[in-house]
């Protein structure tokens, strides 16, 4: 019996991304994915092995894109620590301006939601490696600002780069537009936290 024709993986991942953003994980089925992508059910299973792997691979692709963007804007800031942290915090807004759906996917699902036992080892390893990549950036920022990357310094950077953007940008990314004023608020909030220094 011939194997099902393997559809272009990126087309399947694009379709999964669209459906996840539009309808959420609970509504995603292989049938819906096949209808949106033009691939057959069999070709999807042949290429990915499971629906969970499709979801994980789609999320991983965008998470890597985001972390690459974040590292790039941090590098552009050079040795200006406050500016580097502000740039890292603003990275979700930059991603949304370039590819809104990518940002919406990353905010709609969390890594732990896509890292399931049904995901292939290759995708699972890629998802786990994101933690190391993010920590590397957080430690770099802490060293740039304070010359140290211990728990206290990384904790303050995490507040700036993870918690504040989630609070301020998430509602607007979900709504489909990040306002310049909100980005200015985020930059001001990050600057204030950095200027407060480290806890004693």
C-alpha atoms as a PDB file:
ATOM      1  CA  UNK A   1       0.000   0.000   0.000  1.00  0.00           C
ATOM      2  CA  UNK A   2       1.538   3.377  -0.971  1.00  0.00           C
ATOM      3  CA  UNK A   3       2.280   5.901   1.734  1.00  0.00           C
ATOM      4  CA  UNK A   4       0.099   9.020   1.843  1.00  0.00           C
ATOM      5  CA  UNK A   5       1.601  11.963   0.004  1.00  0.00           C
ATOM      6  CA  UNK A   6       3.318  14.195   2.541  1.00  0.00           C
ATOM      7  CA  UNK A   7       1.975  17.726   2.316  1.00  0.00           C
ATOM      8  CA  UNK A   8       4.375  20.640   2.780  1.00  0.00           C
ATOM      9  CA  UNK A   9       4.932  20.703   6.562  1.00  0.00           C
ATOM     10  CA  UNK A  10       4.890  24.508   6.713  1.00  0.00           C
ATOM     11  CA  UNK A  11       1.448  24.580   5.085  1.00  0.00           C
ATOM     12  CA  UNK A  12       0.131  22.248   7.778  1.00  0.00           C
ATOM     13  CA  UNK A  13       1.780  24.310  10.528  1.00  0.00           C
ATOM     14  CA  UNK A  14       0.361  27.527   9.053  1.00  0.00           C
ATOM     15  CA  UNK A  15      -3.113  26.009   9.026  1.00  0.00           C
ATOM     16  CA  UNK A  16      -2.722  24.767  12.594  1.00  0.00           C
ATOM     17  CA  UNK A  17      -1.613  28.217  13.699  1.00  0.00           C
ATOM     18  CA  UNK A  18      -4.641  29.843  12.083  1.00  0.00           C
ATOM     19  CA  UNK A  19      -7.061  27.398  13.680  1.00  0.00           C
ATOM     20  CA  UNK A  20      -5.433  27.588  17.105  1.00  0.00           C
ATOM     21  CA  UNK A  21      -5.649  31.377  17.128  1.00  0.00           C
ATOM     22  CA  UNK A  22      -9.190  31.450  15.744  1.00  0.00           C
ATOM     23  CA  UNK A  23     -10.751  28.600  17.705  1.00  0.00           C
ATOM     24  CA  UNK A  24      -8.387  27.436  20.441  1.00  0.00           C
ATOM     25  CA  UNK A  25      -6.745  24.102  21.120  1.00  0.00           C
ATOM     26  CA  UNK A  26      -9.921  22.316  22.189  1.00  0.00           C
ATOM     27  CA  UNK A  27     -11.517  22.845  18.778  1.00  0.00           C
ATOM     28  CA  UNK A  28      -8.543  21.696  16.701  1.00  0.00           C
ATOM     29  CA  UNK A  29      -9.058  18.347  14.982  1.00  0.00           C
ATOM     30  CA  UNK A  30      -7.201  16.499  12.251  1.00  0.00           C
ATOM     31  CA  UNK A  31     -10.268  16.848  10.042  1.00  0.00           C
ATOM     32  CA  UNK A  32     -10.352  20.634  10.498  1.00  0.00           C
ATOM     33  CA  UNK A  33      -6.613  20.815   9.922  1.00  0.00           C
ATOM     34  CA  UNK A  34      -6.875  18.760   6.746  1.00  0.00           C
ATOM     35  CA  UNK A  35      -9.688  20.939   5.438  1.00  0.00           C
ATOM     36  CA  UNK A  36      -7.773  24.156   6.127  1.00  0.00           C
ATOM     37  CA  UNK A  37      -4.377  22.983   4.853  1.00  0.00           C
ATOM     38  CA  UNK A  38      -5.476  20.892   1.888  1.00  0.00           C
ATOM     39  CA  UNK A  39      -3.543  17.901   3.230  1.00  0.00           C
ATOM     40  CA  UNK A  40      -5.167  14.534   3.776  1.00  0.00           C
ATOM     41  CA  UNK A  41      -5.609  13.072   7.244  1.00  0.00           C
ATOM     42  CA  UNK A  42      -3.129  10.351   6.352  1.00  0.00           C
ATOM     43  CA  UNK A  43      -0.452  12.747   5.163  1.00  0.00           C
ATOM     44  CA  UNK A  44      -0.729  14.759   8.380  1.00  0.00           C
ATOM     45  CA  UNK A  45      -0.256  11.647  10.505  1.00  0.00           C
ATOM     46  CA  UNK A  46       2.572  10.474   8.258  1.00  0.00           C
ATOM     47  CA  UNK A  47       4.441  13.781   8.500  1.00  0.00           C
ATOM     48  CA  UNK A  48       3.862  14.522  12.196  1.00  0.00           C
ATOM     49  CA  UNK A  49       2.693  11.343  13.910  1.00  0.00           C
ATOM     50  CA  UNK A  50       0.008  13.013  16.013  1.00  0.00           C
ATOM     51  CA  UNK A  51      -2.111  16.124  16.262  1.00  0.00           C
ATOM     52  CA  UNK A  52      -0.275  17.031  19.467  1.00  0.00           C
ATOM     53  CA  UNK A  53       3.006  17.092  17.552  1.00  0.00           C
ATOM     54  CA  UNK A  54       1.492  19.454  14.985  1.00  0.00           C
ATOM     55  CA  UNK A  55       0.476  21.813  17.789  1.00  0.00           C
ATOM     56  CA  UNK A  56       3.866  21.534  19.467  1.00  0.00           C
ATOM     57  CA  UNK A  57       5.754  22.084  16.220  1.00  0.00           C
ATOM     58  CA  UNK A  58       3.625  25.104  15.296  1.00  0.00           C
ATOM     59  CA  UNK A  59       4.194  26.687  18.701  1.00  0.00           C
ATOM     60  CA  UNK A  60       7.902  25.813  18.715  1.00  0.00           C
ATOM     61  CA  UNK A  61       8.406  27.426  15.312  1.00  0.00           C
ATOM     62  CA  UNK A  62       6.976  30.725  16.545  1.00  0.00           C
ATOM     63  CA  UNK A  63       8.710  30.572  19.931  1.00  0.00           C
ATOM     64  CA  UNK A  64      12.065  30.222  18.205  1.00  0.00           C
ATOM     65  CA  UNK A  65      11.195  33.141  15.951  1.00  0.00           C
ATOM     66  CA  UNK A  66      10.308  35.239  18.988  1.00  0.00           C
ATOM     67  CA  UNK A  67      13.474  34.379  20.907  1.00  0.00           C
ATOM     68  CA  UNK A  68      15.601  35.144  17.841  1.00  0.00           C
ATOM     69  CA  UNK A  69      13.906  38.532  17.557  1.00  0.00           C
ATOM     70  CA  UNK A  70      14.346  39.203  21.257  1.00  0.00           C
ATOM     71  CA  UNK A  71      18.049  38.348  21.136  1.00  0.00           C
ATOM     72  CA  UNK A  72      18.500  40.596  18.110  1.00  0.00           C
ATOM     73  CA  UNK A  73      16.920  43.654  19.740  1.00  0.00           C
ATOM     74  CA  UNK A  74      18.928  43.068  22.910  1.00  0.00           C
ATOM     75  CA  UNK A  75      22.114  42.946  20.840  1.00  0.00           C
ATOM     76  CA  UNK A  76      21.149  46.209  19.122  1.00  0.00           C
ATOM     77  CA  UNK A  77      20.940  47.917  22.515  1.00  0.00           C
ATOM     78  CA  UNK A  78      24.585  47.112  23.179  1.00  0.00           C
ATOM     79  CA  UNK A  79      25.902  47.873  26.657  1.00  0.00           C
ATOM     80  CA  UNK A  80      23.003  50.147  27.634  1.00  0.00           C
ATOM     81  CA  UNK A  81      21.409  47.849  30.197  1.00  0.00           C
ATOM     82  CA  UNK A  82      18.160  49.711  30.743  1.00  0.00           C
ATOM     83  CA  UNK A  83      17.602  50.078  26.998  1.00  0.00           C
ATOM     84  CA  UNK A  84      18.366  46.384  26.473  1.00  0.00           C
ATOM     85  CA  UNK A  85      15.770  45.316  29.050  1.00  0.00           C
ATOM     86  CA  UNK A  86      13.223  47.691  27.525  1.00  0.00           C
ATOM     87  CA  UNK A  87      13.917  46.241  24.080  1.00  0.00           C
ATOM     88  CA  UNK A  88      13.523  42.681  25.349  1.00  0.00           C
ATOM     89  CA  UNK A  89      10.232  43.592  27.027  1.00  0.00           C
ATOM     90  CA  UNK A  90       8.975  45.220  23.825  1.00  0.00           C
ATOM     91  CA  UNK A  91       9.796  42.158  21.693  1.00  0.00           C
ATOM     92  CA  UNK A  92       6.222  40.748  21.815  1.00  0.00           C
ATOM     93  CA  UNK A  93       4.909  44.044  20.428  1.00  0.00           C
ATOM     94  CA  UNK A  94       7.521  43.972  17.679  1.00  0.00           C
ATOM     95  CA  UNK A  95       6.561  40.435  16.775  1.00  0.00           C
ATOM     96  CA  UNK A  96       2.878  41.404  16.734  1.00  0.00           C
ATOM     97  CA  UNK A  97       3.645  44.308  14.410  1.00  0.00           C
ATOM     98  CA  UNK A  98       5.423  41.962  11.998  1.00  0.00           C
ATOM     99  CA  UNK A  99       3.301  38.824  12.343  1.00  0.00           C
ATOM    100  CA  UNK A 100       0.283  39.309  14.549  1.00  0.00           C
ATOM    101  CA  UNK A 101      -0.890  35.706  14.365  1.00  0.00           C
ATOM    102  CA  UNK A 102       2.489  34.457  15.586  1.00  0.00           C
ATOM    103  CA  UNK A 103       2.287  36.666  18.667  1.00  0.00           C
ATOM    104  CA  UNK A 104      -1.321  35.654  19.266  1.00  0.00           C
ATOM    105  CA  UNK A 105      -0.397  31.976  19.146  1.00  0.00           C
ATOM    106  CA  UNK A 106       2.398  32.384  21.696  1.00  0.00           C
ATOM    107  CA  UNK A 107       0.129  34.270  24.084  1.00  0.00           C
ATOM    108  CA  UNK A 108      -2.837  31.951  23.547  1.00  0.00           C
ATOM    109  CA  UNK A 109      -0.970  28.772  24.497  1.00  0.00           C
ATOM    110  CA  UNK A 110       1.743  28.214  27.074  1.00  0.00           C
ATOM    111  CA  UNK A 111       4.672  25.893  26.570  1.00  0.00           C
ATOM    112  CA  UNK A 112       3.431  23.439  29.199  1.00  0.00           C
ATOM    113  CA  UNK A 113       0.133  23.141  27.321  1.00  0.00           C
ATOM    114  CA  UNK A 114       1.845  21.975  24.136  1.00  0.00           C
ATOM    115  CA  UNK A 115       4.550  19.811  25.728  1.00  0.00           C
ATOM    116  CA  UNK A 116       2.528  16.627  26.183  1.00  0.00           C
ATOM    117  CA  UNK A 117       3.468  12.956  26.208  1.00  0.00           C
ATOM    118  CA  UNK A 118       2.064  12.559  22.684  1.00  0.00           C
ATOM    119  CA  UNK A 119       4.588  14.997  21.179  1.00  0.00           C
ATOM    120  CA  UNK A 120       7.501  13.402  19.324  1.00  0.00           C
ATOM    121  CA  UNK A 121      10.875  13.416  21.132  1.00  0.00           C
ATOM    122  CA  UNK A 122      12.369  15.836  18.602  1.00  0.00           C
ATOM    123  CA  UNK A 123       9.673  18.447  19.153  1.00  0.00           C
ATOM    124  CA  UNK A 124       9.638  17.814  22.909  1.00  0.00           C
ATOM    125  CA  UNK A 125      13.397  18.396  23.098  1.00  0.00           C
ATOM    126  CA  UNK A 126      12.998  21.609  21.127  1.00  0.00           C
ATOM    127  CA  UNK A 127      10.295  22.845  23.483  1.00  0.00           C
ATOM    128  CA  UNK A 128      12.390  22.060  26.558  1.00  0.00           C
ATOM    129  CA  UNK A 129      15.399  23.823  25.035  1.00  0.00           C
ATOM    130  CA  UNK A 130      13.410  27.063  24.970  1.00  0.00           C
ATOM    131  CA  UNK A 131      13.845  27.366  28.736  1.00  0.00           C
ATOM    132  CA  UNK A 132      17.621  27.405  28.362  1.00  0.00           C
ATOM    133  CA  UNK A 133      17.476  29.929  25.527  1.00  0.00           C
ATOM    134  CA  UNK A 134      15.246  32.280  27.520  1.00  0.00           C
ATOM    135  CA  UNK A 135      17.360  31.926  30.659  1.00  0.00           C
ATOM    136  CA  UNK A 136      20.474  32.788  28.646  1.00  0.00           C
ATOM    137  CA  UNK A 137      18.831  36.053  27.570  1.00  0.00           C
ATOM    138  CA  UNK A 138      17.636  36.864  31.092  1.00  0.00           C
ATOM    139  CA  UNK A 139      21.107  36.253  32.523  1.00  0.00           C
ATOM    140  CA  UNK A 140      22.727  38.338  29.796  1.00  0.00           C
ATOM    141  CA  UNK A 141      20.395  41.227  30.592  1.00  0.00           C
ATOM    142  CA  UNK A 142      21.072  40.918  34.320  1.00  0.00           C
ATOM    143  CA  UNK A 143      24.821  41.016  33.728  1.00  0.00           C
ATOM    144  CA  UNK A 144      24.474  43.990  31.392  1.00  0.00           C
ATOM    145  CA  UNK A 145      22.513  45.989  33.967  1.00  0.00           C
ATOM    146  CA  UNK A 146      24.070  44.925  37.270  1.00  0.00           C
ATOM    147  CA  UNK A 147      27.145  42.881  36.408  1.00  0.00           C
ATOM    148  CA  UNK A 148      25.678  39.767  38.025  1.00  0.00           C
ATOM    149  CA  UNK A 149      23.260  37.014  37.061  1.00  0.00           C
ATOM    150  CA  UNK A 150      22.194  35.494  40.366  1.00  0.00           C
ATOM    151  CA  UNK A 151      18.606  34.698  41.288  1.00  0.00           C
ATOM    152  CA  UNK A 152      17.774  38.185  42.536  1.00  0.00           C
ATOM    153  CA  UNK A 153      19.046  39.901  39.389  1.00  0.00           C
ATOM    154  CA  UNK A 154      17.391  37.420  37.040  1.00  0.00           C
ATOM    155  CA  UNK A 155      14.166  37.738  39.048  1.00  0.00           C
ATOM    156  CA  UNK A 156      13.998  41.491  38.459  1.00  0.00           C
ATOM    157  CA  UNK A 157      14.735  41.037  34.758  1.00  0.00           C
ATOM    158  CA  UNK A 158      12.015  38.379  34.572  1.00  0.00           C
ATOM    159  CA  UNK A 159       9.520  40.832  36.050  1.00  0.00           C
ATOM    160  CA  UNK A 160      10.461  43.316  33.330  1.00  0.00           C
ATOM    161  CA  UNK A 161      10.656  40.943  30.379  1.00  0.00           C
ATOM    162  CA  UNK A 162       7.920  38.424  31.192  1.00  0.00           C
ATOM    163  CA  UNK A 163       5.423  39.717  33.750  1.00  0.00           C
ATOM    164  CA  UNK A 164       5.055  43.337  32.665  1.00  0.00           C
ATOM    165  CA  UNK A 165       4.663  42.546  28.935  1.00  0.00           C
ATOM    166  CA  UNK A 166       2.109  39.857  29.763  1.00  0.00           C
ATOM    167  CA  UNK A 167       0.075  42.291  31.843  1.00  0.00           C
ATOM    168  CA  UNK A 168       0.221  45.216  29.416  1.00  0.00           C
ATOM    169  CA  UNK A 169       0.523  43.671  25.960  1.00  0.00           C
ATOM    170  CA  UNK A 170      -1.475  40.451  26.201  1.00  0.00           C
ATOM    171  CA  UNK A 171      -4.962  42.037  26.032  1.00  0.00           C
ATOM    172  CA  UNK A 172      -4.011  44.147  23.021  1.00  0.00           C
ATOM    173  CA  UNK A 173      -2.271  41.330  21.164  1.00  0.00           C
ATOM    174  CA  UNK A 174      -5.383  39.226  21.659  1.00  0.00           C
ATOM    175  CA  UNK A 175      -7.503  42.114  20.356  1.00  0.00           C
ATOM    176  CA  UNK A 176      -5.291  42.420  17.288  1.00  0.00           C
ATOM    177  CA  UNK A 177      -3.549  45.768  17.808  1.00  0.00           C
ATOM    178  CA  UNK A 178      -0.899  47.026  20.210  1.00  0.00           C
ATOM    179  CA  UNK A 179      -1.189  50.778  20.701  1.00  0.00           C
ATOM    180  CA  UNK A 180       1.955  52.945  20.728  1.00  0.00           C
ATOM    181  CA  UNK A 181       0.808  54.392  24.060  1.00  0.00           C
ATOM    182  CA  UNK A 182       0.801  50.933  25.617  1.00  0.00           C
ATOM    183  CA  UNK A 183       4.335  50.320  24.398  1.00  0.00           C
ATOM    184  CA  UNK A 184       5.370  53.645  25.934  1.00  0.00           C
ATOM    185  CA  UNK A 185       3.751  52.630  29.213  1.00  0.00           C
ATOM    186  CA  UNK A 186       5.650  49.357  29.138  1.00  0.00           C
ATOM    187  CA  UNK A 187       8.960  51.109  28.481  1.00  0.00           C
ATOM    188  CA  UNK A 188       8.316  53.494  31.381  1.00  0.00           C
ATOM    189  CA  UNK A 189       7.341  50.662  33.727  1.00  0.00           C
ATOM    190  CA  UNK A 190      10.439  48.665  32.823  1.00  0.00           C
ATOM    191  CA  UNK A 191      12.681  51.694  33.326  1.00  0.00           C
ATOM    192  CA  UNK A 192      11.140  52.294  36.747  1.00  0.00           C
ATOM    193  CA  UNK A 193      11.724  48.708  37.843  1.00  0.00           C
ATOM    194  CA  UNK A 194      15.312  48.715  36.591  1.00  0.00           C
ATOM    195  CA  UNK A 195      16.008  52.058  38.250  1.00  0.00           C
ATOM    196  CA  UNK A 196      14.773  50.704  41.591  1.00  0.00           C
ATOM    197  CA  UNK A 197      17.729  48.346  41.536  1.00  0.00           C
ATOM    198  CA  UNK A 198      17.993  44.970  43.191  1.00  0.00           C
ATOM    199  CA  UNK A 199      16.280  43.967  46.422  1.00  0.00           C
ATOM    200  CA  UNK A 200      18.518  44.143  49.459  1.00  0.00           C
END
